[in-house]
Amino acid sequence: MRLGARVRHAKFGEGTILRFEGQGESRQVHVNFESAGQKILMYELARLEQDLLIGDISALALRGRGLAPARSAGDLIVARSPGPVRTRAR
């Protein structure tokens, strides 16, 4: 996970990562939740689920590249088709 990532928490709902503090077991994550406000959580215990990185998809599309390398395991790789996609009529 990284700064600005959209996340979901079972109790606090959806939010955005604002910053990280510390290292190892004492690492904390600051998240601004839409319905619960800003919370500071222990990173290892938070159980945050990462949403699709819509901002990353838009950035990749704007760059106009066919393939972009993933920056972390949670990032999306978007590839352009080599030609038109054809479907059969039913």
Protein backbone atom coordinates (compact mmCIF):
# COMPACT_ATOMS: atom_id res chain seq x y z
CA MET A 1 0.00 0.00 0.00
CA ARG A 2 1.09 3.54 -0.58
CA LEU A 3 0.15 7.14 0.08
CA GLY A 4 -3.14 8.15 -1.50
CA ALA A 5 -4.34 4.56 -1.88
CA ARG A 6 -8.06 3.98 -1.40
CA VAL A 7 -8.69 1.38 1.31
CA ARG A 8 -11.60 -0.27 3.09
CA HIS A 9 -11.79 -1.18 6.80
CA ALA A 10 -14.45 -3.50 8.29
CA LYS A 11 -15.47 -1.00 10.99
CA PHE A 12 -14.57 2.45 9.59
CA GLY A 13 -15.51 1.94 5.93
CA GLU A 14 -13.73 3.50 2.96
CA GLY A 15 -10.87 5.95 3.23
CA THR A 16 -7.59 7.27 1.85
CA ILE A 17 -4.10 6.66 3.24
CA LEU A 18 -2.59 9.97 4.35
CA ARG A 19 0.80 8.87 5.73
CA PHE A 20 2.86 6.16 7.40
CA GLU A 21 4.91 6.42 10.61
CA GLY A 22 7.47 4.11 12.16
CA GLN A 23 8.87 0.80 11.02
CA GLY A 24 8.37 -2.88 11.65
CA GLU A 25 5.82 -3.93 14.25
CA SER A 26 5.31 -0.34 15.45
CA ARG A 27 4.46 0.99 11.97
CA GLN A 28 1.30 3.11 11.94
CA VAL A 29 -0.92 4.23 9.09
CA HIS A 30 -2.97 7.45 9.09
CA VAL A 31 -6.23 7.04 7.16
CA ASN A 32 -8.95 9.58 6.47
CA PHE A 33 -12.19 7.58 6.45
CA GLU A 34 -15.21 9.08 4.71
CA SER A 35 -17.66 8.34 7.53
CA ALA A 36 -15.38 7.98 10.57
CA GLY A 37 -12.85 10.78 9.98
CA GLN A 38 -9.08 10.48 10.44
CA LYS A 39 -7.77 7.45 12.35
CA ILE A 40 -4.29 6.24 13.25
CA LEU A 41 -4.05 2.45 13.06
CA MET A 42 -1.33 -0.10 13.69
CA TYR A 43 -0.44 -1.17 10.16
CA GLU A 44 -0.05 -4.89 10.91
CA LEU A 45 -3.38 -5.07 12.77
CA ALA A 46 -5.48 -2.74 10.61
CA ARG A 47 -6.59 -5.36 8.05
CA LEU A 48 -7.08 -2.74 5.36
CA GLU A 49 -8.32 -3.91 1.97
CA GLN A 50 -7.06 -1.94 -0.99
CA ASP A 51 -9.58 -0.74 -3.59
CA LEU A 52 -8.80 -0.61 -7.29
CA LEU A 53 -6.39 2.20 -7.98
CA ILE A 54 -8.61 4.27 -10.26
CA GLY A 55 -6.13 7.15 -10.17
CA ASP A 56 -3.39 4.84 -11.39
CA ILE A 57 -5.55 3.61 -14.26
CA SER A 58 -6.27 7.19 -15.33
CA ALA A 59 -2.60 8.16 -15.09
CA LEU A 60 -1.58 5.20 -17.23
CA ALA A 61 -4.22 6.01 -19.84
CA LEU A 62 -3.11 9.64 -19.99
CA ARG A 63 0.51 8.63 -20.49
CA GLY A 64 -0.56 6.74 -23.59
CA ARG A 65 1.75 3.81 -22.98
CA GLY A 66 0.73 0.32 -23.95
CA LEU A 67 2.19 -1.33 -20.87
CA ALA A 68 3.31 0.13 -17.55
CA PRO A 69 5.35 -1.74 -14.95
CA ALA A 70 3.74 -2.45 -11.60
CA ARG A 71 5.23 -0.41 -8.77
CA SER A 72 4.03 -2.82 -6.08
CA ALA A 73 2.05 -6.03 -5.82
CA GLY A 74 -1.20 -4.08 -5.44
CA ASP A 75 -0.74 -1.93 -8.54
CA LEU A 76 -2.60 -2.63 -11.73
CA ILE A 77 -0.91 -3.35 -15.03
CA VAL A 78 -2.81 -2.00 -18.02
CA ALA A 79 -2.00 -3.22 -21.50
CA ARG A 80 -3.32 -2.06 -24.84
CA SER A 81 -4.62 -4.70 -27.23
CA PRO A 82 -2.41 -5.21 -30.31
CA GLY A 83 -5.44 -4.75 -32.56
CA PRO A 84 -9.21 -4.46 -32.58
CA VAL A 85 -11.05 -6.85 -30.35
CA ARG A 86 -13.47 -8.95 -32.38
CA THR A 87 -16.48 -10.69 -30.97
CA ARG A 88 -18.81 -13.15 -32.64
CA ALA A 89 -22.48 -12.28 -32.97
CA ARG A 90 -24.82 -14.71 -31.26
